[in-house]
Amino acid sequence: MSARPVRSTCCSLLIDGPEDADPWGREAVYADGARVGRLTSGGYSVAFGRSIGMGYVRPDLAHPGTKLFVRMLGALWPAEVVADSPYDPNNTRIRADSTPARS
């Protein structure tokens, strides 16, 4: 039995998309004008202040820092592969504008 090559790798992307829409999943991912993958889920990240998506792309493109594009609302929007799964462990960004809780 011969081993099959890996066709796609899961990764997270931060997306500079439209201000009034976020990805839901199934959006196509592009590099150099060619479709190279698809999002499986997405939404708005309060911690990062922009859209975030998770999906599958070609293994050679699934490295942090890789610049890609996501098709949303009929246009291609810039995206960047980031380390799985990006987060704000101390909730610093989400608490930046909040007032302290009263005891």
PDB file of N, CA and C in Angstrom:
ATOM      1  N   MET A   1       0.845  -1.170   0.000  1.00  0.00           N
ATOM      2  CA  MET A   1       0.000   0.000   0.000  1.00  0.00           C
ATOM      3  C   MET A   1       0.898   1.243   0.000  1.00  0.00           C
ATOM      4  N   SER A   2       0.650   2.158  -0.911  1.00  0.00           N
ATOM      5  CA  SER A   2       1.453   3.375  -0.970  1.00  0.00           C
ATOM      6  C   SER A   2       0.776   4.490  -0.179  1.00  0.00           C
ATOM      7  N   ALA A   3       1.592   5.329   0.425  1.00  0.00           N
ATOM      8  CA  ALA A   3       1.060   6.439   1.210  1.00  0.00           C
ATOM      9  C   ALA A   3       0.528   7.527   0.284  1.00  0.00           C
ATOM     10  N   ARG A   4      -0.606   8.098   0.658  1.00  0.00           N
ATOM     11  CA  ARG A   4      -1.181   9.190  -0.114  1.00  0.00           C
ATOM     12  C   ARG A   4      -0.611  10.510   0.393  1.00  0.00           C
ATOM     13  N   PRO A   5      -0.349  11.435  -0.496  1.00  0.00           N
ATOM     14  CA  PRO A   5       0.155  12.738  -0.042  1.00  0.00           C
ATOM     15  C   PRO A   5      -0.954  13.530   0.659  1.00  0.00           C
ATOM     16  N   VAL A   6      -0.551  14.389   1.572  1.00  0.00           N
ATOM     17  CA  VAL A   6      -1.502  15.256   2.265  1.00  0.00           C
ATOM     18  C   VAL A   6      -1.970  16.318   1.275  1.00  0.00           C
ATOM     19  N   ARG A   7      -3.288  16.447   1.094  1.00  0.00           N
ATOM     20  CA  ARG A   7      -3.829  17.391   0.119  1.00  0.00           C
ATOM     21  C   ARG A   7      -4.167  18.741   0.729  1.00  0.00           C
ATOM     22  N   SER A   8      -4.496  18.769   2.031  1.00  0.00           N
ATOM     23  CA  SER A   8      -4.835  20.031   2.669  1.00  0.00           C
ATOM     24  C   SER A   8      -4.519  19.973   4.157  1.00  0.00           C
ATOM     25  N   THR A   9      -4.270  21.156   4.719  1.00  0.00           N
ATOM     26  CA  THR A   9      -3.917  21.290   6.123  1.00  0.00           C
ATOM     27  C   THR A   9      -4.808  22.351   6.753  1.00  0.00           C
ATOM     28  N   CYS A  10      -5.271  22.083   7.972  1.00  0.00           N
ATOM     29  CA  CYS A  10      -6.127  23.023   8.687  1.00  0.00           C
ATOM     30  C   CYS A  10      -5.286  24.200   9.197  1.00  0.00           C
ATOM     31  N   CYS A  11      -5.838  25.407   9.066  1.00  0.00           N
ATOM     32  CA  CYS A  11      -5.147  26.596   9.574  1.00  0.00           C
ATOM     33  C   CYS A  11      -6.168  27.667   9.935  1.00  0.00           C
ATOM     34  N   SER A  12      -5.713  28.648  10.691  1.00  0.00           N
ATOM     35  CA  SER A  12      -6.540  29.802  11.057  1.00  0.00           C
ATOM     36  C   SER A  12      -6.069  31.009  10.268  1.00  0.00           C
ATOM     37  N   LEU A  13      -7.019  31.863   9.870  1.00  0.00           N
ATOM     38  CA  LEU A  13      -6.687  33.068   9.101  1.00  0.00           C
ATOM     39  C   LEU A  13      -7.341  34.289   9.730  1.00  0.00           C
ATOM     40  N   LEU A  14      -6.588  35.373   9.838  1.00  0.00           N
ATOM     41  CA  LEU A  14      -7.162  36.669  10.185  1.00  0.00           C
ATOM     42  C   LEU A  14      -7.460  37.356   8.866  1.00  0.00           C
ATOM     43  N   ILE A  15      -8.676  37.870   8.723  1.00  0.00           N
ATOM     44  CA  ILE A  15      -9.162  38.383   7.445  1.00  0.00           C
ATOM     45  C   ILE A  15      -9.477  39.865   7.547  1.00  0.00           C
ATOM     46  N   ASP A  16      -8.936  40.641   6.628  1.00  0.00           N
ATOM     47  CA  ASP A  16      -9.264  42.068   6.532  1.00  0.00           C
ATOM     48  C   ASP A  16     -10.450  42.207   5.593  1.00  0.00           C
ATOM     49  N   GLY A  17     -11.607  41.772   6.060  1.00  0.00           N
ATOM     50  CA  GLY A  17     -12.804  41.734   5.231  1.00  0.00           C
ATOM     51  C   GLY A  17     -13.660  42.965   5.388  1.00  0.00           C
ATOM     52  N   PRO A  18     -14.833  42.911   4.803  1.00  0.00           N
ATOM     53  CA  PRO A  18     -15.740  44.056   4.868  1.00  0.00           C
ATOM     54  C   PRO A  18     -16.177  44.312   6.309  1.00  0.00           C
ATOM     55  N   GLU A  19     -16.468  45.566   6.615  1.00  0.00           N
ATOM     56  CA  GLU A  19     -16.855  45.922   7.977  1.00  0.00           C
ATOM     57  C   GLU A  19     -18.238  45.407   8.349  1.00  0.00           C
ATOM     58  N   ASP A  20     -19.074  45.136   7.362  1.00  0.00           N
ATOM     59  CA  ASP A  20     -20.450  44.752   7.647  1.00  0.00           C
ATOM     60  C   ASP A  20     -20.754  43.266   7.416  1.00  0.00           C
ATOM     61  N   ALA A  21     -19.722  42.437   7.261  1.00  0.00           N
ATOM     62  CA  ALA A  21     -19.946  41.007   7.045  1.00  0.00           C
ATOM     63  C   ALA A  21     -18.745  40.211   7.536  1.00  0.00           C
ATOM     64  N   ASP A  22     -19.004  39.009   7.984  1.00  0.00           N
ATOM     65  CA  ASP A  22     -17.964  38.099   8.454  1.00  0.00           C
ATOM     66  C   ASP A  22     -18.155  36.739   7.787  1.00  0.00           C
ATOM     67  N   PRO A  23     -17.096  35.953   7.713  1.00  0.00           N
ATOM     68  CA  PRO A  23     -17.239  34.626   7.117  1.00  0.00           C
ATOM     69  C   PRO A  23     -18.050  33.696   8.010  1.00  0.00           C
ATOM     70  N   TRP A  24     -18.759  32.775   7.392  1.00  0.00           N
ATOM     71  CA  TRP A  24     -19.538  31.777   8.124  1.00  0.00           C
ATOM     72  C   TRP A  24     -18.978  30.375   7.905  1.00  0.00           C
ATOM     73  N   GLY A  25     -18.275  30.211   6.814  1.00  0.00           N
ATOM     74  CA  GLY A  25     -17.779  28.900   6.412  1.00  0.00           C
ATOM     75  C   GLY A  25     -18.126  28.665   4.952  1.00  0.00           C
ATOM     76  N   ARG A  26     -17.339  27.832   4.297  1.00  0.00           N
ATOM     77  CA  ARG A  26     -17.483  27.492   2.883  1.00  0.00           C
ATOM     78  C   ARG A  26     -16.958  28.572   1.941  1.00  0.00           C
ATOM     79  N   GLU A  27     -16.401  29.672   2.462  1.00  0.00           N
ATOM     80  CA  GLU A  27     -15.801  30.679   1.583  1.00  0.00           C
ATOM     81  C   GLU A  27     -14.513  30.115   0.981  1.00  0.00           C
ATOM     82  N   ALA A  28     -14.286  30.426  -0.286  1.00  0.00           N
ATOM     83  CA  ALA A  28     -13.090  29.951  -0.983  1.00  0.00           C
ATOM     84  C   ALA A  28     -11.881  30.773  -0.575  1.00  0.00           C
ATOM     85  N   VAL A  29     -10.723  30.112  -0.505  1.00  0.00           N
ATOM     86  CA  VAL A  29      -9.447  30.756  -0.179  1.00  0.00           C
ATOM     87  C   VAL A  29      -8.580  30.710  -1.437  1.00  0.00           C
ATOM     88  N   TYR A  30      -7.937  31.842  -1.746  1.00  0.00           N
ATOM     89  CA  TYR A  30      -7.147  31.975  -2.972  1.00  0.00           C
ATOM     90  C   TYR A  30      -5.706  32.390  -2.698  1.00  0.00           C
ATOM     91  N   ALA A  31      -4.814  31.980  -3.601  1.00  0.00           N
ATOM     92  CA  ALA A  31      -3.420  32.429  -3.638  1.00  0.00           C
ATOM     93  C   ALA A  31      -3.047  32.569  -5.099  1.00  0.00           C
ATOM     94  N   ASP A  32      -2.477  33.693  -5.458  1.00  0.00           N
ATOM     95  CA  ASP A  32      -2.047  33.932  -6.847  1.00  0.00           C
ATOM     96  C   ASP A  32      -3.169  33.682  -7.854  1.00  0.00           C
ATOM     97  N   GLY A  33      -4.389  34.050  -7.490  1.00  0.00           N
ATOM     98  CA  GLY A  33      -5.525  33.927  -8.398  1.00  0.00           C
ATOM     99  C   GLY A  33      -6.128  32.545  -8.521  1.00  0.00           C
ATOM    100  N   ALA A  34      -5.557  31.555  -7.838  1.00  0.00           N
ATOM    101  CA  ALA A  34      -6.082  30.187  -7.901  1.00  0.00           C
ATOM    102  C   ALA A  34      -6.699  29.788  -6.565  1.00  0.00           C
ATOM    103  N   ARG A  35      -7.781  29.028  -6.627  1.00  0.00           N
ATOM    104  CA  ARG A  35      -8.401  28.545  -5.397  1.00  0.00           C
ATOM    105  C   ARG A  35      -7.509  27.484  -4.771  1.00  0.00           C
ATOM    106  N   VAL A  36      -7.168  27.678  -3.491  1.00  0.00           N
ATOM    107  CA  VAL A  36      -6.246  26.767  -2.801  1.00  0.00           C
ATOM    108  C   VAL A  36      -6.847  26.148  -1.548  1.00  0.00           C
ATOM    109  N   GLY A  37      -8.108  26.479  -1.255  1.00  0.00           N
ATOM    110  CA  GLY A  37      -8.723  25.908  -0.068  1.00  0.00           C
ATOM    111  C   GLY A  37     -10.094  26.484   0.180  1.00  0.00           C
ATOM    112  N   ARG A  38     -10.618  26.187   1.380  1.00  0.00           N
ATOM    113  CA  ARG A  38     -11.963  26.627   1.744  1.00  0.00           C
ATOM    114  C   ARG A  38     -12.045  26.757   3.256  1.00  0.00           C
ATOM    115  N   LEU A  39     -12.769  27.802   3.706  1.00  0.00           N
ATOM    116  CA  LEU A  39     -13.018  27.950   5.136  1.00  0.00           C
ATOM    117  C   LEU A  39     -14.081  26.954   5.574  1.00  0.00           C
ATOM    118  N   THR A  40     -13.966  26.480   6.804  1.00  0.00           N
ATOM    119  CA  THR A  40     -14.991  25.605   7.370  1.00  0.00           C
ATOM    120  C   THR A  40     -15.846  26.354   8.386  1.00  0.00           C
ATOM    121  N   SER A  41     -15.301  27.449   8.930  1.00  0.00           N
ATOM    122  CA  SER A  41     -16.043  28.259   9.886  1.00  0.00           C
ATOM    123  C   SER A  41     -15.407  29.634   9.965  1.00  0.00           C
ATOM    124  N   GLY A  42     -16.114  30.566  10.555  1.00  0.00           N
ATOM    125  CA  GLY A  42     -15.577  31.905  10.703  1.00  0.00           C
ATOM    126  C   GLY A  42     -16.503  32.787  11.498  1.00  0.00           C
ATOM    127  N   GLY A  43     -16.039  33.981  11.755  1.00  0.00           N
ATOM    128  CA  GLY A  43     -16.829  34.950  12.505  1.00  0.00           C
ATOM    129  C   GLY A  43     -15.985  36.160  12.823  1.00  0.00           C
ATOM    130  N   TYR A  44     -16.506  37.010  13.715  1.00  0.00           N
ATOM    131  CA  TYR A  44     -15.790  38.210  14.117  1.00  0.00           C
ATOM    132  C   TYR A  44     -15.039  37.933  15.407  1.00  0.00           C
ATOM    133  N   SER A  45     -13.774  38.342  15.482  1.00  0.00           N
ATOM    134  CA  SER A  45     -12.971  38.180  16.679  1.00  0.00           C
ATOM    135  C   SER A  45     -12.870  39.511  17.405  1.00  0.00           C
ATOM    136  N   VAL A  46     -13.483  39.589  18.578  1.00  0.00           N
ATOM    137  CA  VAL A  46     -13.385  40.798  19.392  1.00  0.00           C
ATOM    138  C   VAL A  46     -11.935  41.015  19.815  1.00  0.00           C
ATOM    139  N   ALA A  47     -11.234  39.944  20.133  1.00  0.00           N
ATOM    140  CA  ALA A  47      -9.845  40.051  20.577  1.00  0.00           C
ATOM    141  C   ALA A  47      -8.935  40.653  19.512  1.00  0.00           C
ATOM    142  N   PHE A  48      -9.209  40.369  18.240  1.00  0.00           N
ATOM    143  CA  PHE A  48      -8.347  40.862  17.163  1.00  0.00           C
ATOM    144  C   PHE A  48      -8.967  42.013  16.384  1.00  0.00           C
ATOM    145  N   GLY A  49     -10.229  42.307  16.628  1.00  0.00           N
ATOM    146  CA  GLY A  49     -10.882  43.429  15.962  1.00  0.00           C
ATOM    147  C   GLY A  49     -11.106  43.239  14.478  1.00  0.00           C
ATOM    148  N   ARG A  50     -11.190  41.997  14.044  1.00  0.00           N
ATOM    149  CA  ARG A  50     -11.462  41.705  12.635  1.00  0.00           C
ATOM    150  C   ARG A  50     -11.956  40.275  12.485  1.00  0.00           C
ATOM    151  N   SER A  51     -12.252  39.908  11.273  1.00  0.00           N
ATOM    152  CA  SER A  51     -12.778  38.570  11.012  1.00  0.00           C
ATOM    153  C   SER A  51     -11.687  37.522  11.175  1.00  0.00           C
ATOM    154  N   ILE A  52     -12.128  36.343  11.574  1.00  0.00           N
ATOM    155  CA  ILE A  52     -11.221  35.206  11.707  1.00  0.00           C
ATOM    156  C   ILE A  52     -11.902  33.993  11.085  1.00  0.00           C
ATOM    157  N   GLY A  53     -11.134  33.154  10.445  1.00  0.00           N
ATOM    158  CA  GLY A  53     -11.694  31.955   9.836  1.00  0.00           C
ATOM    159  C   GLY A  53     -10.784  30.765  10.055  1.00  0.00           C
ATOM    160  N   MET A  54     -11.365  29.590  10.005  1.00  0.00           N
ATOM    161  CA  MET A  54     -10.598  28.360  10.072  1.00  0.00           C
ATOM    162  C   MET A  54     -10.973  27.549   8.856  1.00  0.00           C
ATOM    163  N   GLY A  55      -9.983  26.935   8.236  1.00  0.00           N
ATOM    164  CA  GLY A  55     -10.264  26.154   7.055  1.00  0.00           C
ATOM    165  C   GLY A  55      -9.083  25.315   6.634  1.00  0.00           C
ATOM    166  N   TYR A  56      -9.171  24.803   5.431  1.00  0.00           N
ATOM    167  CA  TYR A  56      -8.146  23.921   4.889  1.00  0.00           C
ATOM    168  C   TYR A  56      -7.558  24.528   3.622  1.00  0.00           C
ATOM    169  N   VAL A  57      -6.224  24.542   3.564  1.00  0.00           N
ATOM    170  CA  VAL A  57      -5.497  25.025   2.386  1.00  0.00           C
ATOM    171  C   VAL A  57      -4.398  24.020   2.048  1.00  0.00           C
ATOM    172  N   ARG A  58      -3.776  24.236   0.902  1.00  0.00           N
ATOM    173  CA  ARG A  58      -2.649  23.380   0.525  1.00  0.00           C
ATOM    174  C   ARG A  58      -1.585  23.417   1.628  1.00  0.00           C
ATOM    175  N   PRO A  59      -0.938  22.293   1.910  1.00  0.00           N
ATOM    176  CA  PRO A  59       0.054  22.248   2.989  1.00  0.00           C
ATOM    177  C   PRO A  59       1.176  23.280   2.863  1.00  0.00           C
ATOM    178  N   ASP A  60       1.596  23.602   1.655  1.00  0.00           N
ATOM    179  CA  ASP A  60       2.688  24.562   1.483  1.00  0.00           C
ATOM    180  C   ASP A  60       2.271  25.987   1.836  1.00  0.00           C
ATOM    181  N   LEU A  61       0.962  26.238   2.012  1.00  0.00           N
ATOM    182  CA  LEU A  61       0.465  27.575   2.333  1.00  0.00           C
ATOM    183  C   LEU A  61      -0.014  27.704   3.775  1.00  0.00           C
ATOM    184  N   ALA A  62       0.030  26.632   4.542  1.00  0.00           N
ATOM    185  CA  ALA A  62      -0.536  26.621   5.893  1.00  0.00           C
ATOM    186  C   ALA A  62       0.454  27.042   6.971  1.00  0.00           C
ATOM    187  N   HIS A  63       1.347  27.966   6.658  1.00  0.00           N
ATOM    188  CA  HIS A  63       2.358  28.412   7.614  1.00  0.00           C
ATOM    189  C   HIS A  63       2.073  29.841   8.059  1.00  0.00           C
ATOM    190  N   PRO A  64       2.209  30.139   9.366  1.00  0.00           N
ATOM    191  CA  PRO A  64       1.967  31.500   9.848  1.00  0.00           C
ATOM    192  C   PRO A  64       2.727  32.535   9.024  1.00  0.00           C
ATOM    193  N   GLY A  65       2.019  33.604   8.674  1.00  0.00           N
ATOM    194  CA  GLY A  65       2.595  34.680   7.874  1.00  0.00           C
ATOM    195  C   GLY A  65       2.263  34.616   6.404  1.00  0.00           C
ATOM    196  N   THR A  66       1.765  33.471   5.925  1.00  0.00           N
ATOM    197  CA  THR A  66       1.407  33.330   4.516  1.00  0.00           C
ATOM    198  C   THR A  66       0.230  34.249   4.197  1.00  0.00           C
ATOM    199  N   LYS A  67       0.359  35.025   3.134  1.00  0.00           N
ATOM    200  CA  LYS A  67      -0.692  35.947   2.700  1.00  0.00           C
ATOM    201  C   LYS A  67      -1.589  35.251   1.681  1.00  0.00           C
ATOM    202  N   LEU A  68      -2.889  35.270   1.938  1.00  0.00           N
ATOM    203  CA  LEU A  68      -3.878  34.660   1.063  1.00  0.00           C
ATOM    204  C   LEU A  68      -5.033  35.630   0.870  1.00  0.00           C
ATOM    205  N   PHE A  69      -6.075  35.178   0.191  1.00  0.00           N
ATOM    206  CA  PHE A  69      -7.286  35.973  -0.002  1.00  0.00           C
ATOM    207  C   PHE A  69      -8.493  35.088   0.255  1.00  0.00           C
ATOM    208  N   VAL A  70      -9.550  35.677   0.814  1.00  0.00           N
ATOM    209  CA  VAL A  70     -10.803  34.961   1.063  1.00  0.00           C
ATOM    210  C   VAL A  70     -11.904  35.656   0.272  1.00  0.00           C
ATOM    211  N   ARG A  71     -12.701  34.868  -0.464  1.00  0.00           N
ATOM    212  CA  ARG A  71     -13.811  35.433  -1.241  1.00  0.00           C
ATOM    213  C   ARG A  71     -15.029  35.590  -0.338  1.00  0.00           C
ATOM    214  N   MET A  72     -15.440  36.863  -0.202  1.00  0.00           N
ATOM    215  CA  MET A  72     -16.648  37.194   0.557  1.00  0.00           C
ATOM    216  C   MET A  72     -17.385  38.291  -0.188  1.00  0.00           C
ATOM    217  N   LEU A  73     -18.686  38.157  -0.290  1.00  0.00           N
ATOM    218  CA  LEU A  73     -19.523  39.154  -0.965  1.00  0.00           C
ATOM    219  C   LEU A  73     -19.031  39.459  -2.379  1.00  0.00           C
ATOM    220  N   GLY A  74     -18.550  38.445  -3.076  1.00  0.00           N
ATOM    221  CA  GLY A  74     -18.128  38.592  -4.462  1.00  0.00           C
ATOM    222  C   GLY A  74     -16.792  39.270  -4.673  1.00  0.00           C
ATOM    223  N   ALA A  75     -16.028  39.513  -3.586  1.00  0.00           N
ATOM    224  CA  ALA A  75     -14.725  40.164  -3.702  1.00  0.00           C
ATOM    225  C   ALA A  75     -13.681  39.348  -2.931  1.00  0.00           C
ATOM    226  N   LEU A  76     -12.412  39.542  -3.295  1.00  0.00           N
ATOM    227  CA  LEU A  76     -11.320  38.883  -2.579  1.00  0.00           C
ATOM    228  C   LEU A  76     -10.785  39.829  -1.511  1.00  0.00           C
ATOM    229  N   TRP A  77     -10.701  39.326  -0.263  1.00  0.00           N
ATOM    230  CA  TRP A  77     -10.244  40.114   0.865  1.00  0.00           C
ATOM    231  C   TRP A  77      -8.936  39.533   1.395  1.00  0.00           C
ATOM    232  N   PRO A  78      -7.956  40.399   1.718  1.00  0.00           N
ATOM    233  CA  PRO A  78      -6.665  39.914   2.217  1.00  0.00           C
ATOM    234  C   PRO A  78      -6.808  39.140   3.521  1.00  0.00           C
ATOM    235  N   ALA A  79      -6.018  38.095   3.647  1.00  0.00           N
ATOM    236  CA  ALA A  79      -6.009  37.275   4.854  1.00  0.00           C
ATOM    237  C   ALA A  79      -4.582  36.816   5.125  1.00  0.00           C
ATOM    238  N   GLU A  80      -4.319  36.499   6.377  1.00  0.00           N
ATOM    239  CA  GLU A  80      -2.997  36.008   6.762  1.00  0.00           C
ATOM    240  C   GLU A  80      -3.149  34.788   7.643  1.00  0.00           C
ATOM    241  N   VAL A  81      -2.391  33.749   7.328  1.00  0.00           N
ATOM    242  CA  VAL A  81      -2.386  32.540   8.157  1.00  0.00           C
ATOM    243  C   VAL A  81      -1.709  32.892   9.481  1.00  0.00           C
ATOM    244  N   VAL A  82      -2.350  32.483  10.577  1.00  0.00           N
ATOM    245  CA  VAL A  82      -1.804  32.736  11.908  1.00  0.00           C
ATOM    246  C   VAL A  82      -1.669  31.419  12.655  1.00  0.00           C
ATOM    247  N   ALA A  83      -0.919  31.454  13.746  1.00  0.00           N
ATOM    248  CA  ALA A  83      -0.721  30.249  14.547  1.00  0.00           C
ATOM    249  C   ALA A  83      -2.065  29.762  15.073  1.00  0.00           C
ATOM    250  N   ASP A  84      -2.288  28.461  15.048  1.00  0.00           N
ATOM    251  CA  ASP A  84      -3.526  27.881  15.593  1.00  0.00           C
ATOM    252  C   ASP A  84      -3.479  27.944  17.097  1.00  0.00           C
ATOM    253  N   SER A  85      -4.483  28.163  17.677  1.00  0.00           N
ATOM    254  CA  SER A  85      -5.550  29.091  17.480  1.00  0.00           C
ATOM    255  C   SER A  85      -5.175  30.371  18.207  1.00  0.00           C
ATOM    256  N   PRO A  86      -5.197  31.480  17.509  1.00  0.00           N
ATOM    257  CA  PRO A  86      -4.780  32.731  18.144  1.00  0.00           C
ATOM    258  C   PRO A  86      -5.786  33.146  19.211  1.00  0.00           C
ATOM    259  N   TYR A  87      -5.285  33.664  20.290  1.00  0.00           N
ATOM    260  CA  TYR A  87      -6.176  34.117  21.346  1.00  0.00           C
ATOM    261  C   TYR A  87      -5.447  35.118  22.233  1.00  0.00           C
ATOM    262  N   ASP A  88      -6.175  35.717  23.119  1.00  0.00           N
ATOM    263  CA  ASP A  88      -5.668  36.692  24.070  1.00  0.00           C
ATOM    264  C   ASP A  88      -5.799  36.043  25.446  1.00  0.00           C
ATOM    265  N   PRO A  89      -4.768  35.316  25.924  1.00  0.00           N
ATOM    266  CA  PRO A  89      -4.896  34.487  27.124  1.00  0.00           C
ATOM    267  C   PRO A  89      -5.306  35.243  28.384  1.00  0.00           C
ATOM    268  N   ASN A  90      -4.967  36.515  28.490  1.00  0.00           N
ATOM    269  CA  ASN A  90      -5.334  37.295  29.674  1.00  0.00           C
ATOM    270  C   ASN A  90      -6.545  38.187  29.440  1.00  0.00           C
ATOM    271  N   ASN A  91      -7.177  38.051  28.274  1.00  0.00           N
ATOM    272  CA  ASN A  91      -8.314  38.891  27.902  1.00  0.00           C
ATOM    273  C   ASN A  91      -7.976  40.380  27.992  1.00  0.00           C
ATOM    274  N   THR A  92      -6.743  40.732  27.757  1.00  0.00           N
ATOM    275  CA  THR A  92      -6.290  42.113  27.850  1.00  0.00           C
ATOM    276  C   THR A  92      -7.018  43.017  26.875  1.00  0.00           C
ATOM    277  N   ARG A  93      -7.147  42.602  25.637  1.00  0.00           N
ATOM    278  CA  ARG A  93      -7.780  43.452  24.622  1.00  0.00           C
ATOM    279  C   ARG A  93      -9.270  43.619  24.858  1.00  0.00           C
ATOM    280  N   ILE A  94      -9.938  42.558  25.263  1.00  0.00           N
ATOM    281  CA  ILE A  94     -11.384  42.652  25.452  1.00  0.00           C
ATOM    282  C   ILE A  94     -11.733  43.475  26.693  1.00  0.00           C
ATOM    283  N   ARG A  95     -10.830  43.524  27.673  1.00  0.00           N
ATOM    284  CA  ARG A  95     -11.072  44.275  28.906  1.00  0.00           C
ATOM    285  C   ARG A  95     -10.532  45.691  28.869  1.00  0.00           C
ATOM    286  N   ALA A  96      -9.911  46.075  27.794  1.00  0.00           N
ATOM    287  CA  ALA A  96      -9.266  47.391  27.698  1.00  0.00           C
ATOM    288  C   ALA A  96     -10.223  48.539  27.937  1.00  0.00           C
ATOM    289  N   ASP A  97     -11.468  48.430  27.496  1.00  0.00           N
ATOM    290  CA  ASP A  97     -12.433  49.519  27.639  1.00  0.00           C
ATOM    291  C   ASP A  97     -13.458  49.276  28.745  1.00  0.00           C
ATOM    292  N   SER A  98     -13.308  48.207  29.485  1.00  0.00           N
ATOM    293  CA  SER A  98     -14.316  47.901  30.497  1.00  0.00           C
ATOM    294  C   SER A  98     -13.946  48.534  31.831  1.00  0.00           C
ATOM    295  N   THR A  99     -14.934  48.719  32.636  1.00  0.00           N
ATOM    296  CA  THR A  99     -14.709  49.238  33.978  1.00  0.00           C
ATOM    297  C   THR A  99     -14.561  48.069  34.931  1.00  0.00           C
ATOM    298  N   PRO A 100     -13.807  48.259  36.006  1.00  0.00           N
ATOM    299  CA  PRO A 100     -13.609  47.147  36.947  1.00  0.00           C
ATOM    300  C   PRO A 100     -14.940  46.720  37.584  1.00  0.00           C
ATOM    301  N   ALA A 101     -15.061  45.450  37.844  1.00  0.00           N
ATOM    302  CA  ALA A 101     -16.266  44.920  38.484  1.00  0.00           C
ATOM    303  C   ALA A 101     -16.296  45.353  39.947  1.00  0.00           C
ATOM    304  N   ARG A 102     -17.510  45.639  40.421  1.00  0.00           N
ATOM    305  CA  ARG A 102     -17.667  46.001  41.833  1.00  0.00           C
ATOM    306  C   ARG A 102     -17.830  44.744  42.673  1.00  0.00           C
ATOM    307  N   SER A 103     -17.348  44.812  43.897  1.00  0.00           N
ATOM    308  CA  SER A 103     -17.505  43.637  44.776  1.00  0.00           C
ATOM    309  C   SER A 103     -18.756  43.720  45.607  1.00  0.00           C
TER     310      SER A 103
END
